[in-house]
C-alpha atoms as a PDB file:
ATOM      1  CA  MET A   1       0.725 -40.425   5.398  1.00  0.00           C
ATOM      2  CA  ILE A   2       0.117 -41.574   1.836  1.00  0.00           C
ATOM      3  CA  ARG A   3      -2.799 -44.043   1.862  1.00  0.00           C
ATOM      4  CA  ALA A   4      -3.177 -44.860  -1.848  1.00  0.00           C
ATOM      5  CA  PRO A   5      -1.748 -48.235  -2.960  1.00  0.00           C
ATOM      6  CA  GLU A   6      -0.241 -46.708  -6.100  1.00  0.00           C
ATOM      7  CA  ILE A   7       0.965 -43.198  -6.866  1.00  0.00           C
ATOM      8  CA  ARG A   8       2.309 -41.195  -9.783  1.00  0.00           C
ATOM      9  CA  VAL A   9       5.868 -40.141  -8.980  1.00  0.00           C
ATOM     10  CA  ILE A  10       7.822 -37.038 -10.060  1.00  0.00           C
ATOM     11  CA  ASP A  11      11.508 -36.732  -9.219  1.00  0.00           C
ATOM     12  CA  GLU A  12      13.371 -33.720  -7.823  1.00  0.00           C
ATOM     13  CA  ASP A  13      13.944 -32.386 -11.353  1.00  0.00           C
ATOM     14  CA  LYS A  14      10.198 -32.608 -12.131  1.00  0.00           C
ATOM     15  CA  ASN A  15      10.658 -35.605 -14.429  1.00  0.00           C
ATOM     16  CA  GLN A  16       7.786 -38.104 -14.627  1.00  0.00           C
ATOM     17  CA  LEU A  17       8.851 -41.494 -13.213  1.00  0.00           C
ATOM     18  CA  GLY A  18       5.495 -43.156 -13.820  1.00  0.00           C
ATOM     19  CA  ILE A  19       3.134 -45.061 -11.531  1.00  0.00           C
ATOM     20  CA  MET A  20       4.531 -47.218  -8.735  1.00  0.00           C
ATOM     21  CA  THR A  21       3.669 -48.474  -5.263  1.00  0.00           C
ATOM     22  CA  VAL A  22       4.304 -46.315  -2.215  1.00  0.00           C
ATOM     23  CA  PRO A  23       7.068 -48.618  -0.863  1.00  0.00           C
ATOM     24  CA  GLN A  24       8.859 -48.445  -4.227  1.00  0.00           C
ATOM     25  CA  ALA A  25       8.651 -44.642  -4.272  1.00  0.00           C
ATOM     26  CA  LEU A  26       9.820 -44.377  -0.648  1.00  0.00           C
ATOM     27  CA  ALA A  27      12.804 -46.609  -1.373  1.00  0.00           C
ATOM     28  CA  LEU A  28      13.696 -44.469  -4.384  1.00  0.00           C
ATOM     29  CA  ALA A  29      13.479 -41.291  -2.286  1.00  0.00           C
ATOM     30  CA  ARG A  30      15.613 -42.796   0.505  1.00  0.00           C
ATOM     31  CA  ASP A  31      18.290 -43.830  -1.983  1.00  0.00           C
ATOM     32  CA  LYS A  32      18.591 -40.169  -2.979  1.00  0.00           C
ATOM     33  CA  GLY A  33      18.506 -38.942   0.611  1.00  0.00           C
ATOM     34  CA  LEU A  34      15.239 -37.103  -0.081  1.00  0.00           C
ATOM     35  CA  ASP A  35      11.579 -37.225   0.985  1.00  0.00           C
ATOM     36  CA  LEU A  36       8.406 -38.377  -0.740  1.00  0.00           C
ATOM     37  CA  VAL A  37       5.800 -35.577  -0.626  1.00  0.00           C
ATOM     38  CA  GLU A  38       2.182 -35.899  -1.753  1.00  0.00           C
ATOM     39  CA  ILE A  39       1.429 -32.785  -3.839  1.00  0.00           C
ATOM     40  CA  ALA A  40      -1.880 -33.732  -5.516  1.00  0.00           C
ATOM     41  CA  PRO A  41      -3.864 -36.091  -3.246  1.00  0.00           C
ATOM     42  CA  GLN A  42      -7.105 -35.622  -5.230  1.00  0.00           C
ATOM     43  CA  ALA A  43      -5.602 -36.895  -8.486  1.00  0.00           C
ATOM     44  CA  ASN A  44      -6.154 -40.487  -9.635  1.00  0.00           C
ATOM     45  CA  PRO A  45      -3.706 -41.873  -8.799  1.00  0.00           C
ATOM     46  CA  PRO A  46      -2.361 -39.291  -6.307  1.00  0.00           C
ATOM     47  CA  VAL A  47       0.764 -37.416  -7.405  1.00  0.00           C
ATOM     48  CA  CYS A  48       3.858 -37.477  -5.207  1.00  0.00           C
ATOM     49  CA  ARG A  49       7.191 -35.785  -5.673  1.00  0.00           C
ATOM     50  CA  ILE A  50      10.645 -36.747  -4.499  1.00  0.00           C
ATOM     51  CA  MET A  51      12.183 -33.660  -2.891  1.00  0.00           C
ATOM     52  CA  ASP A  52      13.934 -32.142   0.101  1.00  0.00           C
ATOM     53  CA  TYR A  53      10.891 -31.416   2.263  1.00  0.00           C
ATOM     54  CA  GLY A  54      12.735 -29.016   4.561  1.00  0.00           C
ATOM     55  CA  LYS A  55      13.974 -26.997   1.604  1.00  0.00           C
ATOM     56  CA  PHE A  56      10.478 -27.089   0.107  1.00  0.00           C
ATOM     57  CA  LEU A  57       8.960 -25.593   3.283  1.00  0.00           C
ATOM     58  CA  TYR A  58      11.695 -22.952   3.432  1.00  0.00           C
ATOM     59  CA  GLU A  59      11.075 -21.859  -0.160  1.00  0.00           C
ATOM     60  CA  LEU A  60       7.309 -21.857   0.433  1.00  0.00           C
ATOM     61  CA  HIS A  61       7.600 -19.639   3.512  1.00  0.00           C
ATOM     62  CA  LYS A  62      10.047 -17.377   1.690  1.00  0.00           C
ATOM     63  CA  LYS A  63       7.591 -16.866  -1.181  1.00  0.00           C
ATOM     64  CA  GLU A  64       4.743 -16.132   1.251  1.00  0.00           C
ATOM     65  CA  HIS A  65       6.919 -13.609   3.084  1.00  0.00           C
ATOM     66  CA  GLU A  66       7.873 -11.863  -0.163  1.00  0.00           C
ATOM     67  CA  ALA A  67       4.231 -11.772  -1.259  1.00  0.00           C
ATOM     68  CA  LYS A  68       3.186 -10.130   2.018  1.00  0.00           C
ATOM     69  CA  LYS A  69       6.119  -7.737   1.817  1.00  0.00           C
ATOM     70  CA  HIS A  70       5.100  -6.470  -1.615  1.00  0.00           C
ATOM     71  CA  GLN A  71       1.380  -6.509  -0.903  1.00  0.00           C
ATOM     72  CA  LYS A  72       0.038  -2.997  -0.481  1.00  0.00           C
ATOM     73  CA  GLN A  73      -1.611  -2.510   2.897  1.00  0.00           C
ATOM     74  CA  VAL A  74      -4.450  -0.048   2.368  1.00  0.00           C
ATOM     75  CA  GLN A  75      -5.490   1.630   5.600  1.00  0.00           C
ATOM     76  CA  ILE A  76      -8.238   4.072   6.484  1.00  0.00           C
ATOM     77  CA  LYS A  77      -6.860   7.171   8.175  1.00  0.00           C
ATOM     78  CA  GLU A  78      -9.078   9.741   9.869  1.00  0.00           C
ATOM     79  CA  ILE A  79      -8.456  13.485   9.971  1.00  0.00           C
ATOM     80  CA  LYS A  80     -10.771  15.695  12.036  1.00  0.00           C
ATOM     81  CA  PHE A  81     -11.595  19.327  11.290  1.00  0.00           C
ATOM     82  CA  ARG A  82     -13.690  21.934  13.096  1.00  0.00           C
ATOM     83  CA  PRO A  83     -16.034  24.427  11.371  1.00  0.00           C
ATOM     84  CA  LYS A  84     -14.121  27.376  12.890  1.00  0.00           C
ATOM     85  CA  ILE A  85     -10.657  25.954  12.257  1.00  0.00           C
ATOM     86  CA  SER A  86      -7.820  28.449  11.779  1.00  0.00           C
ATOM     87  CA  ILE A  87      -6.030  28.722   8.443  1.00  0.00           C
ATOM     88  CA  HIS A  88      -2.807  27.391   9.988  1.00  0.00           C
ATOM     89  CA  ASP A  89      -4.505  24.324  11.485  1.00  0.00           C
ATOM     90  CA  TYR A  90      -6.463  23.719   8.289  1.00  0.00           C
ATOM     91  CA  ASN A  91      -3.325  23.728   6.139  1.00  0.00           C
ATOM     92  CA  PHE A  92      -1.537  21.485   8.645  1.00  0.00           C
ATOM     93  CA  LYS A  93      -4.340  18.905   8.592  1.00  0.00           C
ATOM     94  CA  LEU A  94      -4.765  19.167   4.820  1.00  0.00           C
ATOM     95  CA  LYS A  95      -1.073  18.378   4.415  1.00  0.00           C
ATOM     96  CA  HIS A  96      -1.612  15.142   6.352  1.00  0.00           C
ATOM     97  CA  VAL A  97      -4.676  14.259   4.257  1.00  0.00           C
ATOM     98  CA  ARG A  98      -2.718  14.686   1.045  1.00  0.00           C
ATOM     99  CA  ARG A  99       0.235  12.677   2.377  1.00  0.00           C
ATOM    100  CA  PHE A 100      -2.028   9.766   3.354  1.00  0.00           C
ATOM    101  CA  ILE A 101      -3.677   9.827  -0.080  1.00  0.00           C
ATOM    102  CA  GLU A 102      -0.305   9.943  -1.838  1.00  0.00           C
ATOM    103  CA  GLU A 103       0.721   6.850   0.154  1.00  0.00           C
ATOM    104  CA  GLY A 104      -2.319   5.044  -1.257  1.00  0.00           C
ATOM    105  CA  ASN A 105      -4.473   5.113   1.880  1.00  0.00           C
ATOM    106  CA  LYS A 106      -8.144   5.941   2.188  1.00  0.00           C
ATOM    107  CA  VAL A 107      -8.952   8.925   4.386  1.00  0.00           C
ATOM    108  CA  LYS A 108     -12.048   9.559   6.462  1.00  0.00           C
ATOM    109  CA  ILE A 109     -12.748  13.282   6.730  1.00  0.00           C
ATOM    110  CA  THR A 110     -14.657  14.192   9.889  1.00  0.00           C
ATOM    111  CA  ILE A 111     -16.002  17.682  10.580  1.00  0.00           C
ATOM    112  CA  MET A 112     -16.668  17.832  14.324  1.00  0.00           C
ATOM    113  CA  ILE A 113     -19.790  19.787  15.356  1.00  0.00           C
ATOM    114  CA  ARG A 114     -20.260  20.955  18.952  1.00  0.00           C
ATOM    115  CA  GLY A 115     -22.568  23.184  20.939  1.00  0.00           C
ATOM    116  CA  ARG A 116     -23.882  26.198  19.037  1.00  0.00           C
ATOM    117  CA  GLU A 117     -22.225  24.980  15.829  1.00  0.00           C
ATOM    118  CA  ARG A 118     -25.128  22.526  15.468  1.00  0.00           C
ATOM    119  CA  ALA A 119     -27.386  25.467  14.671  1.00  0.00           C
ATOM    120  CA  HIS A 120     -25.224  26.261  11.632  1.00  0.00           C
ATOM    121  CA  PRO A 121     -24.680  22.983   9.712  1.00  0.00           C
ATOM    122  CA  GLU A 122     -23.724  24.993   6.631  1.00  0.00           C
ATOM    123  CA  MET A 123     -20.417  25.886   8.324  1.00  0.00           C
ATOM    124  CA  ALA A 124     -19.454  22.227   8.549  1.00  0.00           C
ATOM    125  CA  ARG A 125     -20.501  21.702   4.946  1.00  0.00           C
ATOM    126  CA  GLN A 126     -18.330  24.621   3.810  1.00  0.00           C
ATOM    127  CA  ILE A 127     -15.247  23.060   5.418  1.00  0.00           C
ATOM    128  CA  MET A 128     -16.124  19.680   3.930  1.00  0.00           C
ATOM    129  CA  ASP A 129     -16.493  21.158   0.442  1.00  0.00           C
ATOM    130  CA  ARG A 130     -13.232  23.035   0.881  1.00  0.00           C
ATOM    131  CA  VAL A 131     -11.331  19.862   1.810  1.00  0.00           C
ATOM    132  CA  LEU A 132     -12.820  17.929  -1.103  1.00  0.00           C
ATOM    133  CA  ALA A 133     -11.875  20.720  -3.498  1.00  0.00           C
ATOM    134  CA  ASP A 134      -8.321  20.908  -2.141  1.00  0.00           C
ATOM    135  CA  VAL A 135      -7.692  17.194  -2.749  1.00  0.00           C
ATOM    136  CA  ALA A 136      -9.659  16.849  -5.989  1.00  0.00           C
ATOM    137  CA  ASP A 137      -6.428  16.498  -7.984  1.00  0.00           C
ATOM    138  CA  ILE A 138      -5.422  13.285  -6.170  1.00  0.00           C
ATOM    139  CA  ALA A 139      -8.579  11.873  -4.564  1.00  0.00           C
ATOM    140  CA  ARG A 140     -12.264  11.317  -5.127  1.00  0.00           C
ATOM    141  CA  GLN A 141     -15.247  11.064  -2.814  1.00  0.00           C
ATOM    142  CA  ASP A 142     -16.316   7.485  -2.053  1.00  0.00           C
ATOM    143  CA  GLY A 143     -19.977   7.439  -1.074  1.00  0.00           C
ATOM    144  CA  GLU A 144     -22.270  10.106   0.290  1.00  0.00           C
ATOM    145  CA  ILE A 145     -21.489  12.617   3.017  1.00  0.00           C
ATOM    146  CA  LYS A 146     -22.967  11.330   6.274  1.00  0.00           C
ATOM    147  CA  THR A 147     -24.331  13.889   8.696  1.00  0.00           C
ATOM    148  CA  HIS A 148     -24.875  13.255  12.409  1.00  0.00           C
ATOM    149  CA  ASP A 149     -25.655  15.538  15.347  1.00  0.00           C
ATOM    150  CA  TRP A 150     -22.008  15.561  16.326  1.00  0.00           C
ATOM    151  CA  ALA A 151     -20.213  15.391  12.973  1.00  0.00           C
ATOM    152  CA  SER A 152     -20.256  15.159   9.198  1.00  0.00           C
ATOM    153  CA  THR A 153     -18.103  12.455   7.635  1.00  0.00           C
ATOM    154  CA  VAL A 154     -17.050  11.324   4.190  1.00  0.00           C
ATOM    155  CA  LEU A 155     -14.551   8.820   2.852  1.00  0.00           C
ATOM    156  CA  ILE A 156     -12.107   9.839   0.134  1.00  0.00           C
ATOM    157  CA  VAL A 157      -9.931   7.448  -1.846  1.00  0.00           C
ATOM    158  CA  PRO A 158      -6.956   7.935  -4.152  1.00  0.00           C
ATOM    159  CA  THR A 159      -7.723   8.321  -7.831  1.00  0.00           C
ATOM    160  CA  LYS A 160      -6.099   5.698 -10.068  1.00  0.00           C
ATOM    161  CA  THR A 161      -2.931   7.698 -10.696  1.00  0.00           C
ATOM    162  CA  GLY A 162      -3.590  10.870  -8.724  1.00  0.00           C
ATOM    163  CA  GLY A 163      -1.609   9.986  -5.623  1.00  0.00           C
ATOM    164  CA  LYS A 164       1.423   8.810  -7.575  1.00  0.00           C
ATOM    165  CA  ASP A 165       1.370  11.782  -9.943  1.00  0.00           C
ATOM    166  CA  ALA A 166       0.963  14.239  -7.087  1.00  0.00           C
ATOM    167  CA  LYS A 167       3.837  12.666  -5.184  1.00  0.00           C
ATOM    168  CA  THR A 168       6.067  12.931  -8.240  1.00  0.00           C
ATOM    169  CA  LYS A 169       4.934  16.524  -8.777  1.00  0.00           C
ATOM    170  CA  ASN A 170       5.717  17.404  -5.151  1.00  0.00           C
ATOM    171  CA  GLN A 171       9.188  15.854  -5.467  1.00  0.00           C
ATOM    172  CA  GLN A 172       9.830  17.810  -8.662  1.00  0.00           C
ATOM    173  CA  SER A 173       8.619  21.018  -7.001  1.00  0.00           C
ATOM    174  CA  SER A 174      10.932  20.421  -4.035  1.00  0.00           C
ATOM    175  CA  GLN A 175      13.882  19.792  -6.350  1.00  0.00           C
ATOM    176  CA  LYS A 176      13.077  22.946  -8.337  1.00  0.00           C
ATOM    177  CA  GLU A 177      12.810  24.956  -5.119  1.00  0.00           C
ATOM    178  CA  VAL A 178      16.233  23.735  -3.974  1.00  0.00           C
ATOM    179  CA  GLN A 179      17.674  24.545  -7.412  1.00  0.00           C
ATOM    180  CA  ASP A 180      16.124  28.028  -7.441  1.00  0.00           C
ATOM    181  CA  ASN A 181      17.442  28.729  -3.938  1.00  0.00           C
ATOM    182  CA  SER A 182      20.928  27.609  -4.993  1.00  0.00           C
ATOM    183  CA  GLN A 183      20.829  29.883  -8.047  1.00  0.00           C
ATOM    184  CA  GLN A 184      19.663  32.838  -5.953  1.00  0.00           C
ATOM    185  CA  LYS A 185      22.393  32.188  -3.408  1.00  0.00           C
ATOM    186  CA  GLY A 186      25.021  31.990  -6.165  1.00  0.00           C
ATOM    187  CA  ALA A 187      23.802  35.225  -7.729  1.00  0.00           C
ATOM    188  CA  ALA A 188      23.922  36.995  -4.366  1.00  0.00           C
ATOM    189  CA  GLN A 189      27.487  35.827  -3.717  1.00  0.00           C
ATOM    190  CA  LYS A 190      28.563  36.950  -7.196  1.00  0.00           C
ATOM    191  CA  SER A 191      26.986  40.372  -6.623  1.00  0.00           C
ATOM    192  CA  GLN A 192      28.887  40.783  -3.358  1.00  0.00           C
ATOM    193  CA  GLN A 193      32.185  39.875  -5.015  1.00  0.00           C
ATOM    194  CA  GLU A 194      31.836  42.382  -7.888  1.00  0.00           C
ATOM    195  CA  PRO A 195      33.635  45.727  -7.250  1.00  0.00           C
ATOM    196  CA  HIS A 196      31.441  48.782  -6.899  1.00  0.00           C
ATOM    197  CA  SER A 197      32.374  52.022  -8.710  1.00  0.00           C
ATOM    198  CA  ASP A 198      31.871  55.288  -6.850  1.00  0.00           C
END
């Protein structure tokens, strides 16, 4: 409800109609089949606009939805390693770390320490250093490495352009690999078709 005795009115085309009483503005809005909406209650006098309120709400919600849609949701992913991890498992987990970074996410690296491994903390540190080195082209360490009895952890974040550049590089490498395979296949077929002299 508009409580001010007088208001500044703007029409549906954003033209200034001047200052008038609320009943006058309401009558003007009704004549156009529109609504009178207070858009600046703190102004002196308050500013109201003649508009289709339902359409206004629809456009407002649409803009909010689009803003949320395009807003980048940064998440923290966690990947766990063990000091005695096999090469296959290490490469598998590292692939996930790199993918998360390339998607713009932060990644928490956790080196799990159990049983007798606690007597050799340097083993966990070696794995940690190895991971950090293997993602140095697309990520950087954020904060210090935290060491507990059960694990060592560190947070890594994408560099400003590292993730994007690495993703592009990976796509180019994949395209080149497909092209090379096609060329090799074509060369092999050509070799088979050529007659052999005895």
